[in-house]
Amino acid sequence: MAIPELVRKADVKHVEALCDRVPPHVRDEVRLEYAVRGNAITIVERRPPSHPGLGPEWTSMKIAQLRYEPRDLTWTLYCCDRNERWFAYYDVEPSRDVALLVAEIDEDPTGIFWG
C-alpha cells in the first residue's frame, strides 16, 4: 500500500521546507532535493562537478530517507552509510508526525546527516 495522497502532500511540504532552506545565492554550489518513491521520501544533497573535465552532471549524496508504514500510520527515519545502504536511525522513534523527523534531520544532533 502506498502513502495516501492527502498524507503525502501534507508530509512532503515539511521535506520541501527543509530543502528550501538552502539560500538562493549558494544553490549553484549545493542543493537539497527529494524524491518520492513508493512509501519513501529520499533527501539528497547535490553538488556541481568539482572539475570541468568531469562533465556537467551534478553529484548526489544520500542524506536521509523517511519511510511510511501504512499499517501503523507512522514514518521511520533512515540514514545512509558510506556504501549507500540505508539503516534505521535509532535516536528518534517512528512518528505519525513527519515534521518531528524532519526536525531531527535538520538539527542533526549525532552528526550523521550533515557531518
PDB file of N, CA and C in Angstrom:
ATOM      1  N   MET A   1       0.842  -1.183   0.000  1.00  0.00           N
ATOM      2  CA  MET A   1       0.000   0.000   0.000  1.00  0.00           C
ATOM      3  C   MET A   1       0.887   1.247   0.000  1.00  0.00           C
ATOM      4  N   ALA A   2       0.587   2.182  -0.848  1.00  0.00           N
ATOM      5  CA  ALA A   2       1.371   3.421  -0.960  1.00  0.00           C
ATOM      6  C   ALA A   2       0.895   4.450   0.064  1.00  0.00           C
ATOM      7  N   ILE A   3       1.631   5.519   0.142  1.00  0.00           N
ATOM      8  CA  ILE A   3       1.262   6.616   1.026  1.00  0.00           C
ATOM      9  C   ILE A   3      -0.029   7.236   0.507  1.00  0.00           C
ATOM     10  N   PRO A   4      -1.045   7.391   1.367  1.00  0.00           N
ATOM     11  CA  PRO A   4      -2.277   8.057   0.907  1.00  0.00           C
ATOM     12  C   PRO A   4      -1.958   9.458   0.392  1.00  0.00           C
ATOM     13  N   GLU A   5      -2.615   9.853  -0.674  1.00  0.00           N
ATOM     14  CA  GLU A   5      -2.305  11.118  -1.345  1.00  0.00           C
ATOM     15  C   GLU A   5      -2.383  12.320  -0.406  1.00  0.00           C
ATOM     16  N   LEU A   6      -3.392  12.381   0.464  1.00  0.00           N
ATOM     17  CA  LEU A   6      -3.503  13.518   1.384  1.00  0.00           C
ATOM     18  C   LEU A   6      -2.347  13.544   2.372  1.00  0.00           C
ATOM     19  N   VAL A   7      -1.941  12.371   2.836  1.00  0.00           N
ATOM     20  CA  VAL A   7      -0.798  12.307   3.749  1.00  0.00           C
ATOM     21  C   VAL A   7       0.458  12.736   3.016  1.00  0.00           C
ATOM     22  N   ARG A   8       0.636  12.230   1.820  1.00  0.00           N
ATOM     23  CA  ARG A   8       1.836  12.544   1.042  1.00  0.00           C
ATOM     24  C   ARG A   8       1.984  14.051   0.852  1.00  0.00           C
ATOM     25  N   LYS A   9       0.928  14.713   0.423  1.00  0.00           N
ATOM     26  CA  LYS A   9       1.019  16.164   0.175  1.00  0.00           C
ATOM     27  C   LYS A   9       1.385  16.920   1.438  1.00  0.00           C
ATOM     28  N   ALA A  10       0.739  16.581   2.543  1.00  0.00           N
ATOM     29  CA  ALA A  10       0.999  17.288   3.797  1.00  0.00           C
ATOM     30  C   ALA A  10       2.419  17.034   4.288  1.00  0.00           C
ATOM     31  N   ASP A  11       2.869  15.791   4.207  1.00  0.00           N
ATOM     32  CA  ASP A  11       4.186  15.453   4.723  1.00  0.00           C
ATOM     33  C   ASP A  11       5.316  15.923   3.823  1.00  0.00           C
ATOM     34  N   VAL A  12       5.104  15.881   2.527  1.00  0.00           N
ATOM     35  CA  VAL A  12       6.130  16.348   1.596  1.00  0.00           C
ATOM     36  C   VAL A  12       6.407  17.830   1.800  1.00  0.00           C
ATOM     37  N   LYS A  13       5.412  18.593   2.220  1.00  0.00           N
ATOM     38  CA  LYS A  13       5.620  20.026   2.464  1.00  0.00           C
ATOM     39  C   LYS A  13       6.721  20.260   3.510  1.00  0.00           C
ATOM     40  N   HIS A  14       6.804  19.392   4.509  1.00  0.00           N
ATOM     41  CA  HIS A  14       7.858  19.527   5.527  1.00  0.00           C
ATOM     42  C   HIS A  14       9.234  19.266   4.921  1.00  0.00           C
ATOM     43  N   VAL A  15       9.311  18.277   4.048  1.00  0.00           N
ATOM     44  CA  VAL A  15      10.583  17.966   3.387  1.00  0.00           C
ATOM     45  C   VAL A  15      10.955  19.092   2.425  1.00  0.00           C
ATOM     46  N   GLU A  16       9.969  19.622   1.702  1.00  0.00           N
ATOM     47  CA  GLU A  16      10.222  20.760   0.800  1.00  0.00           C
ATOM     48  C   GLU A  16      10.782  21.941   1.572  1.00  0.00           C
ATOM     49  N   ALA A  17      10.218  22.196   2.758  1.00  0.00           N
ATOM     50  CA  ALA A  17      10.691  23.325   3.569  1.00  0.00           C
ATOM     51  C   ALA A  17      12.149  23.127   3.972  1.00  0.00           C
ATOM     52  N   LEU A  18      12.529  21.899   4.309  1.00  0.00           N
ATOM     53  CA  LEU A  18      13.926  21.618   4.642  1.00  0.00           C
ATOM     54  C   LEU A  18      14.818  21.886   3.432  1.00  0.00           C
ATOM     55  N   CYS A  19      14.414  21.403   2.277  1.00  0.00           N
ATOM     56  CA  CYS A  19      15.212  21.586   1.060  1.00  0.00           C
ATOM     57  C   CYS A  19      15.307  23.057   0.656  1.00  0.00           C
ATOM     58  N   ASP A  20      14.267  23.814   0.905  1.00  0.00           N
ATOM     59  CA  ASP A  20      14.247  25.234   0.540  1.00  0.00           C
ATOM     60  C   ASP A  20      15.095  26.098   1.463  1.00  0.00           C
ATOM     61  N   ARG A  21      15.618  25.532   2.536  1.00  0.00           N
ATOM     62  CA  ARG A  21      16.422  26.324   3.468  1.00  0.00           C
ATOM     63  C   ARG A  21      17.804  26.653   2.916  1.00  0.00           C
ATOM     64  N   VAL A  22      18.195  25.987   1.849  1.00  0.00           N
ATOM     65  CA  VAL A  22      19.471  26.354   1.209  1.00  0.00           C
ATOM     66  C   VAL A  22      19.280  27.738   0.604  1.00  0.00           C
ATOM     67  N   PRO A  23      20.091  28.706   0.998  1.00  0.00           N
ATOM     68  CA  PRO A  23      19.916  30.071   0.491  1.00  0.00           C
ATOM     69  C   PRO A  23      20.065  30.132  -1.033  1.00  0.00           C
ATOM     70  N   PRO A  24      19.232  30.941  -1.690  1.00  0.00           N
ATOM     71  CA  PRO A  24      19.297  31.035  -3.157  1.00  0.00           C
ATOM     72  C   PRO A  24      20.675  31.387  -3.700  1.00  0.00           C
ATOM     73  N   HIS A  25      21.441  32.193  -2.985  1.00  0.00           N
ATOM     74  CA  HIS A  25      22.740  32.633  -3.509  1.00  0.00           C
ATOM     75  C   HIS A  25      23.807  31.529  -3.518  1.00  0.00           C
ATOM     76  N   VAL A  26      23.531  30.366  -2.899  1.00  0.00           N
ATOM     77  CA  VAL A  26      24.503  29.262  -2.946  1.00  0.00           C
ATOM     78  C   VAL A  26      23.968  28.041  -3.703  1.00  0.00           C
ATOM     79  N   ARG A  27      22.802  28.155  -4.293  1.00  0.00           N
ATOM     80  CA  ARG A  27      22.210  26.999  -4.977  1.00  0.00           C
ATOM     81  C   ARG A  27      22.939  26.604  -6.250  1.00  0.00           C
ATOM     82  N   ASP A  28      23.883  27.425  -6.696  1.00  0.00           N
ATOM     83  CA  ASP A  28      24.725  26.990  -7.814  1.00  0.00           C
ATOM     84  C   ASP A  28      25.892  26.143  -7.300  1.00  0.00           C
ATOM     85  N   GLU A  29      26.034  26.044  -5.963  1.00  0.00           N
ATOM     86  CA  GLU A  29      27.091  25.251  -5.339  1.00  0.00           C
ATOM     87  C   GLU A  29      26.567  24.019  -4.608  1.00  0.00           C
ATOM     88  N   VAL A  30      25.374  24.114  -4.082  1.00  0.00           N
ATOM     89  CA  VAL A  30      24.784  22.998  -3.329  1.00  0.00           C
ATOM     90  C   VAL A  30      23.264  23.119  -3.350  1.00  0.00           C
ATOM     91  N   ARG A  31      22.605  22.002  -3.482  1.00  0.00           N
ATOM     92  CA  ARG A  31      21.142  21.954  -3.453  1.00  0.00           C
ATOM     93  C   ARG A  31      20.716  20.775  -2.597  1.00  0.00           C
ATOM     94  N   LEU A  32      19.575  20.899  -1.988  1.00  0.00           N
ATOM     95  CA  LEU A  32      18.920  19.768  -1.353  1.00  0.00           C
ATOM     96  C   LEU A  32      17.697  19.444  -2.193  1.00  0.00           C
ATOM     97  N   GLU A  33      17.548  18.183  -2.540  1.00  0.00           N
ATOM     98  CA  GLU A  33      16.412  17.747  -3.348  1.00  0.00           C
ATOM     99  C   GLU A  33      15.817  16.505  -2.705  1.00  0.00           C
ATOM    100  N   TYR A  34      14.616  16.173  -3.115  1.00  0.00           N
ATOM    101  CA  TYR A  34      13.975  14.970  -2.593  1.00  0.00           C
ATOM    102  C   TYR A  34      13.259  14.255  -3.735  1.00  0.00           C
ATOM    103  N   ALA A  35      13.014  12.978  -3.495  1.00  0.00           N
ATOM    104  CA  ALA A  35      12.244  12.178  -4.444  1.00  0.00           C
ATOM    105  C   ALA A  35      11.306  11.287  -3.646  1.00  0.00           C
ATOM    106  N   VAL A  36      10.087  11.147  -4.155  1.00  0.00           N
ATOM    107  CA  VAL A  36       9.104  10.260  -3.546  1.00  0.00           C
ATOM    108  C   VAL A  36       9.025   9.017  -4.417  1.00  0.00           C
ATOM    109  N   ARG A  37       9.199   7.882  -3.787  1.00  0.00           N
ATOM    110  CA  ARG A  37       9.083   6.612  -4.499  1.00  0.00           C
ATOM    111  C   ARG A  37       8.412   5.607  -3.567  1.00  0.00           C
ATOM    112  N   GLY A  38       7.238   5.135  -3.983  1.00  0.00           N
ATOM    113  CA  GLY A  38       6.503   4.202  -3.138  1.00  0.00           C
ATOM    114  C   GLY A  38       6.184   4.837  -1.799  1.00  0.00           C
ATOM    115  N   ASN A  39       6.603   4.180  -0.721  1.00  0.00           N
ATOM    116  CA  ASN A  39       6.348   4.665   0.637  1.00  0.00           C
ATOM    117  C   ASN A  39       7.507   5.460   1.215  1.00  0.00           C
ATOM    118  N   ALA A  40       8.421   5.907   0.374  1.00  0.00           N
ATOM    119  CA  ALA A  40       9.618   6.567   0.890  1.00  0.00           C
ATOM    120  C   ALA A  40       9.835   7.938   0.257  1.00  0.00           C
ATOM    121  N   ILE A  41      10.386   8.828   1.071  1.00  0.00           N
ATOM    122  CA  ILE A  41      10.844  10.133   0.608  1.00  0.00           C
ATOM    123  C   ILE A  41      12.344  10.163   0.878  1.00  0.00           C
ATOM    124  N   THR A  42      13.139  10.329  -0.166  1.00  0.00           N
ATOM    125  CA  THR A  42      14.593  10.339  -0.034  1.00  0.00           C
ATOM    126  C   THR A  42      15.112  11.753  -0.253  1.00  0.00           C
ATOM    127  N   ILE A  43      15.967  12.196   0.657  1.00  0.00           N
ATOM    128  CA  ILE A  43      16.576  13.522   0.581  1.00  0.00           C
ATOM    129  C   ILE A  43      18.036  13.346   0.149  1.00  0.00           C
ATOM    130  N   VAL A  44      18.438  14.110  -0.862  1.00  0.00           N
ATOM    131  CA  VAL A  44      19.818  14.044  -1.364  1.00  0.00           C
ATOM    132  C   VAL A  44      20.419  15.444  -1.425  1.00  0.00           C
ATOM    133  N   GLU A  45      21.731  15.485  -1.233  1.00  0.00           N
ATOM    134  CA  GLU A  45      22.495  16.716  -1.427  1.00  0.00           C
ATOM    135  C   GLU A  45      23.130  16.625  -2.803  1.00  0.00           C
ATOM    136  N   ARG A  46      22.999  17.691  -3.582  1.00  0.00           N
ATOM    137  CA  ARG A  46      23.548  17.705  -4.938  1.00  0.00           C
ATOM    138  C   ARG A  46      24.586  18.816  -5.043  1.00  0.00           C
ATOM    139  N   ARG A  47      25.697  18.485  -5.729  1.00  0.00           N
ATOM    140  CA  ARG A  47      26.789  19.453  -5.943  1.00  0.00           C
ATOM    141  C   ARG A  47      27.253  19.382  -7.388  1.00  0.00           C
ATOM    142  N   PRO A  48      27.709  20.525  -7.919  1.00  0.00           N
ATOM    143  CA  PRO A  48      28.216  20.529  -9.298  1.00  0.00           C
ATOM    144  C   PRO A  48      29.554  19.794  -9.364  1.00  0.00           C
ATOM    145  N   PRO A  49      30.000  19.455 -10.571  1.00  0.00           N
ATOM    146  CA  PRO A  49      31.298  18.785 -10.702  1.00  0.00           C
ATOM    147  C   PRO A  49      32.411  19.661 -10.124  1.00  0.00           C
ATOM    148  N   SER A  50      33.364  19.015  -9.476  1.00  0.00           N
ATOM    149  CA  SER A  50      34.464  19.775  -8.872  1.00  0.00           C
ATOM    150  C   SER A  50      35.526  20.162  -9.891  1.00  0.00           C
ATOM    151  N   HIS A  51      35.448  19.575 -11.088  1.00  0.00           N
ATOM    152  CA  HIS A  51      36.430  19.849 -12.136  1.00  0.00           C
ATOM    153  C   HIS A  51      35.718  19.805 -13.488  1.00  0.00           C
ATOM    154  N   PRO A  52      35.983  20.749 -14.385  1.00  0.00           N
ATOM    155  CA  PRO A  52      35.292  20.779 -15.681  1.00  0.00           C
ATOM    156  C   PRO A  52      35.434  19.482 -16.485  1.00  0.00           C
ATOM    157  N   GLY A  53      36.531  18.767 -16.317  1.00  0.00           N
ATOM    158  CA  GLY A  53      36.740  17.539 -17.056  1.00  0.00           C
ATOM    159  C   GLY A  53      35.829  16.400 -16.618  1.00  0.00           C
ATOM    160  N   LEU A  54      35.127  16.581 -15.514  1.00  0.00           N
ATOM    161  CA  LEU A  54      34.236  15.539 -15.017  1.00  0.00           C
ATOM    162  C   LEU A  54      32.866  15.567 -15.684  1.00  0.00           C
ATOM    163  N   GLY A  55      32.638  16.545 -16.543  1.00  0.00           N
ATOM    164  CA  GLY A  55      31.354  16.637 -17.228  1.00  0.00           C
ATOM    165  C   GLY A  55      30.378  17.530 -16.480  1.00  0.00           C
ATOM    166  N   PRO A  56      29.179  17.673 -17.023  1.00  0.00           N
ATOM    167  CA  PRO A  56      28.211  18.615 -16.464  1.00  0.00           C
ATOM    168  C   PRO A  56      27.318  18.041 -15.354  1.00  0.00           C
ATOM    169  N   GLU A  57      27.388  16.727 -15.123  1.00  0.00           N
ATOM    170  CA  GLU A  57      26.477  16.101 -14.166  1.00  0.00           C
ATOM    171  C   GLU A  57      26.819  16.455 -12.717  1.00  0.00           C
ATOM    172  N   TRP A  58      25.792  16.819 -11.966  1.00  0.00           N
ATOM    173  CA  TRP A  58      25.957  17.081 -10.549  1.00  0.00           C
ATOM    174  C   TRP A  58      26.043  15.749  -9.811  1.00  0.00           C
ATOM    175  N   THR A  59      26.815  15.722  -8.714  1.00  0.00           N
ATOM    176  CA  THR A  59      26.890  14.527  -7.891  1.00  0.00           C
ATOM    177  C   THR A  59      25.735  14.522  -6.893  1.00  0.00           C
ATOM    178  N   SER A  60      25.384  13.352  -6.443  1.00  0.00           N
ATOM    179  CA  SER A  60      24.330  13.188  -5.445  1.00  0.00           C
ATOM    180  C   SER A  60      24.864  12.408  -4.264  1.00  0.00           C
ATOM    181  N   MET A  61      24.539  12.885  -3.082  1.00  0.00           N
ATOM    182  CA  MET A  61      24.878  12.161  -1.865  1.00  0.00           C
ATOM    183  C   MET A  61      23.591  11.976  -1.055  1.00  0.00           C
ATOM    184  N   LYS A  62      23.263  10.741  -0.764  1.00  0.00           N
ATOM    185  CA  LYS A  62      22.058  10.465   0.008  1.00  0.00           C
ATOM    186  C   LYS A  62      22.236  10.991   1.428  1.00  0.00           C
ATOM    187  N   ILE A  63      21.218  11.697   1.897  1.00  0.00           N
ATOM    188  CA  ILE A  63      21.266  12.285   3.233  1.00  0.00           C
ATOM    189  C   ILE A  63      20.379  11.520   4.204  1.00  0.00           C
ATOM    190  N   ALA A  64      19.112  11.357   3.853  1.00  0.00           N
ATOM    191  CA  ALA A  64      18.153  10.718   4.750  1.00  0.00           C
ATOM    192  C   ALA A  64      16.998  10.145   3.945  1.00  0.00           C
ATOM    193  N   GLN A  65      16.301   9.222   4.580  1.00  0.00           N
ATOM    194  CA  GLN A  65      15.108   8.663   3.959  1.00  0.00           C
ATOM    195  C   GLN A  65      14.038   8.524   5.026  1.00  0.00           C
ATOM    196  N   LEU A  66      12.825   8.894   4.652  1.00  0.00           N
ATOM    197  CA  LEU A  66      11.659   8.754   5.515  1.00  0.00           C
ATOM    198  C   LEU A  66      10.770   7.687   4.891  1.00  0.00           C
ATOM    199  N   ARG A  67      10.437   6.665   5.663  1.00  0.00           N
ATOM    200  CA  ARG A  67       9.598   5.577   5.148  1.00  0.00           C
ATOM    201  C   ARG A  67       8.284   5.524   5.912  1.00  0.00           C
ATOM    202  N   TYR A  68       7.221   5.459   5.140  1.00  0.00           N
ATOM    203  CA  TYR A  68       5.872   5.423   5.707  1.00  0.00           C
ATOM    204  C   TYR A  68       5.425   3.980   5.862  1.00  0.00           C
ATOM    205  N   GLU A  69       4.915   3.657   7.046  1.00  0.00           N
ATOM    206  CA  GLU A  69       4.374   2.332   7.316  1.00  0.00           C
ATOM    207  C   GLU A  69       2.850   2.448   7.434  1.00  0.00           C
ATOM    208  N   PRO A  70       2.127   2.045   6.372  1.00  0.00           N
ATOM    209  CA  PRO A  70       0.676   2.239   6.374  1.00  0.00           C
ATOM    210  C   PRO A  70      -0.063   1.479   7.476  1.00  0.00           C
ATOM    211  N   ARG A  71       0.467   0.341   7.897  1.00  0.00           N
ATOM    212  CA  ARG A  71      -0.215  -0.414   8.967  1.00  0.00           C
ATOM    213  C   ARG A  71      -0.230   0.353  10.277  1.00  0.00           C
ATOM    214  N   ASP A  72       0.855   1.067  10.568  1.00  0.00           N
ATOM    215  CA  ASP A  72       0.968   1.823  11.818  1.00  0.00           C
ATOM    216  C   ASP A  72       0.685   3.305  11.642  1.00  0.00           C
ATOM    217  N   LEU A  73       0.583   3.743  10.386  1.00  0.00           N
ATOM    218  CA  LEU A  73       0.415   5.163  10.061  1.00  0.00           C
ATOM    219  C   LEU A  73       1.579   5.989  10.602  1.00  0.00           C
ATOM    220  N   THR A  74       2.787   5.406  10.545  1.00  0.00           N
ATOM    221  CA  THR A  74       3.959   6.091  11.083  1.00  0.00           C
ATOM    222  C   THR A  74       5.049   6.225  10.030  1.00  0.00           C
ATOM    223  N   TRP A  75       5.929   7.184  10.287  1.00  0.00           N
ATOM    224  CA  TRP A  75       7.127   7.406   9.488  1.00  0.00           C
ATOM    225  C   TRP A  75       8.332   6.970  10.309  1.00  0.00           C
ATOM    226  N   THR A  76       9.321   6.361   9.643  1.00  0.00           N
ATOM    227  CA  THR A  76      10.571   5.985  10.281  1.00  0.00           C
ATOM    228  C   THR A  76      11.706   6.675   9.530  1.00  0.00           C
ATOM    229  N   LEU A  77      12.677   7.152  10.281  1.00  0.00           N
ATOM    230  CA  LEU A  77      13.816   7.858   9.710  1.00  0.00           C
ATOM    231  C   LEU A  77      14.978   6.886   9.491  1.00  0.00           C
ATOM    232  N   TYR A  78      15.593   6.989   8.316  1.00  0.00           N
ATOM    233  CA  TYR A  78      16.751   6.172   7.959  1.00  0.00           C
ATOM    234  C   TYR A  78      17.906   7.086   7.565  1.00  0.00           C
ATOM    235  N   CYS A  79      19.119   6.598   7.808  1.00  0.00           N
ATOM    236  CA  CYS A  79      20.320   7.300   7.367  1.00  0.00           C
ATOM    237  C   CYS A  79      21.128   6.349   6.495  1.00  0.00           C
ATOM    238  N   CYS A  80      22.080   6.910   5.784  1.00  0.00           N
ATOM    239  CA  CYS A  80      22.821   6.166   4.775  1.00  0.00           C
ATOM    240  C   CYS A  80      24.272   5.995   5.220  1.00  0.00           C
ATOM    241  N   ASP A  81      24.821   4.788   5.009  1.00  0.00           N
ATOM    242  CA  ASP A  81      26.231   4.605   5.330  1.00  0.00           C
ATOM    243  C   ASP A  81      27.093   4.944   4.106  1.00  0.00           C
ATOM    244  N   ARG A  82      28.387   4.792   4.248  1.00  0.00           N
ATOM    245  CA  ARG A  82      29.292   5.182   3.164  1.00  0.00           C
ATOM    246  C   ARG A  82      29.145   4.317   1.925  1.00  0.00           C
ATOM    247  N   ASN A  83      28.509   3.156   2.057  1.00  0.00           N
ATOM    248  CA  ASN A  83      28.253   2.273   0.921  1.00  0.00           C
ATOM    249  C   ASN A  83      26.858   2.491   0.330  1.00  0.00           C
ATOM    250  N   GLU A  84      26.223   3.565   0.746  1.00  0.00           N
ATOM    251  CA  GLU A  84      24.880   3.954   0.302  1.00  0.00           C
ATOM    252  C   GLU A  84      23.816   2.921   0.657  1.00  0.00           C
ATOM    253  N   ARG A  85      24.001   2.288   1.817  1.00  0.00           N
ATOM    254  CA  ARG A  85      22.988   1.373   2.346  1.00  0.00           C
ATOM    255  C   ARG A  85      22.231   2.095   3.456  1.00  0.00           C
ATOM    256  N   TRP A  86      20.935   1.912   3.460  1.00  0.00           N
ATOM    257  CA  TRP A  86      20.087   2.557   4.458  1.00  0.00           C
ATOM    258  C   TRP A  86      20.028   1.726   5.728  1.00  0.00           C
ATOM    259  N   PHE A  87      20.039   2.414   6.878  1.00  0.00           N
ATOM    260  CA  PHE A  87      19.792   1.737   8.146  1.00  0.00           C
ATOM    261  C   PHE A  87      18.980   2.663   9.034  1.00  0.00           C
ATOM    262  N   ALA A  88      18.199   2.054   9.907  1.00  0.00           N
ATOM    263  CA  ALA A  88      17.306   2.838  10.767  1.00  0.00           C
ATOM    264  C   ALA A  88      18.118   3.745  11.682  1.00  0.00           C
ATOM    265  N   TYR A  89      17.652   4.953  11.808  1.00  0.00           N
ATOM    266  CA  TYR A  89      18.242   5.942  12.716  1.00  0.00           C
ATOM    267  C   TYR A  89      17.533   5.761  14.057  1.00  0.00           C
ATOM    268  N   TYR A  90      18.272   5.324  15.062  1.00  0.00           N
ATOM    269  CA  TYR A  90      17.641   4.905  16.317  1.00  0.00           C
ATOM    270  C   TYR A  90      17.501   5.998  17.372  1.00  0.00           C
ATOM    271  N   ASP A  91      17.953   7.203  17.097  1.00  0.00           N
ATOM    272  CA  ASP A  91      17.872   8.252  18.111  1.00  0.00           C
ATOM    273  C   ASP A  91      16.514   8.942  18.157  1.00  0.00           C
ATOM    274  N   VAL A  92      15.602   8.534  17.297  1.00  0.00           N
ATOM    275  CA  VAL A  92      14.244   9.076  17.328  1.00  0.00           C
ATOM    276  C   VAL A  92      13.294   7.938  16.937  1.00  0.00           C
ATOM    277  N   GLU A  93      12.192   7.843  17.647  1.00  0.00           N
ATOM    278  CA  GLU A  93      11.208   6.789  17.407  1.00  0.00           C
ATOM    279  C   GLU A  93      10.407   7.075  16.140  1.00  0.00           C
ATOM    280  N   PRO A  94       9.849   6.036  15.506  1.00  0.00           N
ATOM    281  CA  PRO A  94       8.905   6.279  14.408  1.00  0.00           C
ATOM    282  C   PRO A  94       7.791   7.200  14.908  1.00  0.00           C
ATOM    283  N   SER A  95       7.268   7.997  14.008  1.00  0.00           N
ATOM    284  CA  SER A  95       6.289   9.009  14.402  1.00  0.00           C
ATOM    285  C   SER A  95       5.202   9.164  13.349  1.00  0.00           C
ATOM    286  N   ARG A  96       4.028   9.518  13.801  1.00  0.00           N
ATOM    287  CA  ARG A  96       2.956   9.866  12.864  1.00  0.00           C
ATOM    288  C   ARG A  96       3.156  11.272  12.312  1.00  0.00           C
ATOM    289  N   ASP A  97       4.004  12.044  12.976  1.00  0.00           N
ATOM    290  CA  ASP A  97       4.271  13.427  12.580  1.00  0.00           C
ATOM    291  C   ASP A  97       5.637  13.502  11.905  1.00  0.00           C
ATOM    292  N   VAL A  98       5.628  13.561  10.585  1.00  0.00           N
ATOM    293  CA  VAL A  98       6.892  13.587   9.842  1.00  0.00           C
ATOM    294  C   VAL A  98       7.705  14.839  10.174  1.00  0.00           C
ATOM    295  N   ALA A  99       7.056  15.899  10.622  1.00  0.00           N
ATOM    296  CA  ALA A  99       7.770  17.136  10.973  1.00  0.00           C
ATOM    297  C   ALA A  99       8.795  16.891  12.077  1.00  0.00           C
ATOM    298  N   LEU A 100       8.504  16.000  13.012  1.00  0.00           N
ATOM    299  CA  LEU A 100       9.462  15.684  14.078  1.00  0.00           C
ATOM    300  C   LEU A 100      10.720  15.033  13.506  1.00  0.00           C
ATOM    301  N   LEU A 101      10.540  14.179  12.520  1.00  0.00           N
ATOM    302  CA  LEU A 101      11.678  13.500  11.906  1.00  0.00           C
ATOM    303  C   LEU A 101      12.481  14.460  11.023  1.00  0.00           C
ATOM    304  N   VAL A 102      11.793  15.336  10.330  1.00  0.00           N
ATOM    305  CA  VAL A 102      12.482  16.338   9.510  1.00  0.00           C
ATOM    306  C   VAL A 102      13.289  17.276  10.415  1.00  0.00           C
ATOM    307  N   ALA A 103      12.745  17.622  11.568  1.00  0.00           N
ATOM    308  CA  ALA A 103      13.476  18.467  12.526  1.00  0.00           C
ATOM    309  C   ALA A 103      14.732  17.750  13.015  1.00  0.00           C
ATOM    310  N   GLU A 104      14.651  16.436  13.210  1.00  0.00           N
ATOM    311  CA  GLU A 104      15.827  15.665  13.635  1.00  0.00           C
ATOM    312  C   GLU A 104      16.909  15.698  12.566  1.00  0.00           C
ATOM    313  N   ILE A 105      16.506  15.599  11.299  1.00  0.00           N
ATOM    314  CA  ILE A 105      17.469  15.697  10.198  1.00  0.00           C
ATOM    315  C   ILE A 105      18.126  17.077  10.214  1.00  0.00           C
ATOM    316  N   ASP A 106      17.309  18.102  10.343  1.00  0.00           N
ATOM    317  CA  ASP A 106      17.805  19.478  10.306  1.00  0.00           C
ATOM    318  C   ASP A 106      18.760  19.768  11.474  1.00  0.00           C
ATOM    319  N   GLU A 107      18.375  19.361  12.677  1.00  0.00           N
ATOM    320  CA  GLU A 107      19.192  19.612  13.861  1.00  0.00           C
ATOM    321  C   GLU A 107      20.429  18.705  13.906  1.00  0.00           C
ATOM    322  N   ASP A 108      20.301  17.497  13.428  1.00  0.00           N
ATOM    323  CA  ASP A 108      21.392  16.529  13.328  1.00  0.00           C
ATOM    324  C   ASP A 108      22.244  16.447  14.594  1.00  0.00           C
ATOM    325  N   PRO A 109      21.645  16.074  15.730  1.00  0.00           N
ATOM    326  CA  PRO A 109      22.411  16.040  16.978  1.00  0.00           C
ATOM    327  C   PRO A 109      23.546  15.018  16.995  1.00  0.00           C
ATOM    328  N   THR A 110      23.492  14.009  16.143  1.00  0.00           N
ATOM    329  CA  THR A 110      24.542  12.996  16.121  1.00  0.00           C
ATOM    330  C   THR A 110      25.599  13.263  15.060  1.00  0.00           C
ATOM    331  N   GLY A 111      25.336  14.191  14.131  1.00  0.00           N
ATOM    332  CA  GLY A 111      26.269  14.488  13.060  1.00  0.00           C
ATOM    333  C   GLY A 111      26.238  13.480  11.924  1.00  0.00           C
ATOM    334  N   ILE A 112      25.247  12.622  11.898  1.00  0.00           N
ATOM    335  CA  ILE A 112      25.201  11.583  10.875  1.00  0.00           C
ATOM    336  C   ILE A 112      24.669  12.073   9.525  1.00  0.00           C
ATOM    337  N   PHE A 113      23.845  13.103   9.531  1.00  0.00           N
ATOM    338  CA  PHE A 113      23.266  13.577   8.290  1.00  0.00           C
ATOM    339  C   PHE A 113      24.139  14.627   7.608  1.00  0.00           C
ATOM    340  N   TRP A 114      24.647  15.569   8.370  1.00  0.00           N
ATOM    341  CA  TRP A 114      25.400  16.684   7.784  1.00  0.00           C
ATOM    342  C   TRP A 114      26.871  16.653   8.132  1.00  0.00           C
ATOM    343  N   GLY A 115      27.288  15.668   8.939  1.00  0.00           N
ATOM    344  CA  GLY A 115      28.723  15.520   9.253  1.00  0.00           C
ATOM    345  C   GLY A 115      29.186  16.334  10.339  1.00  0.00           C
TER     346      GLY A 115
END
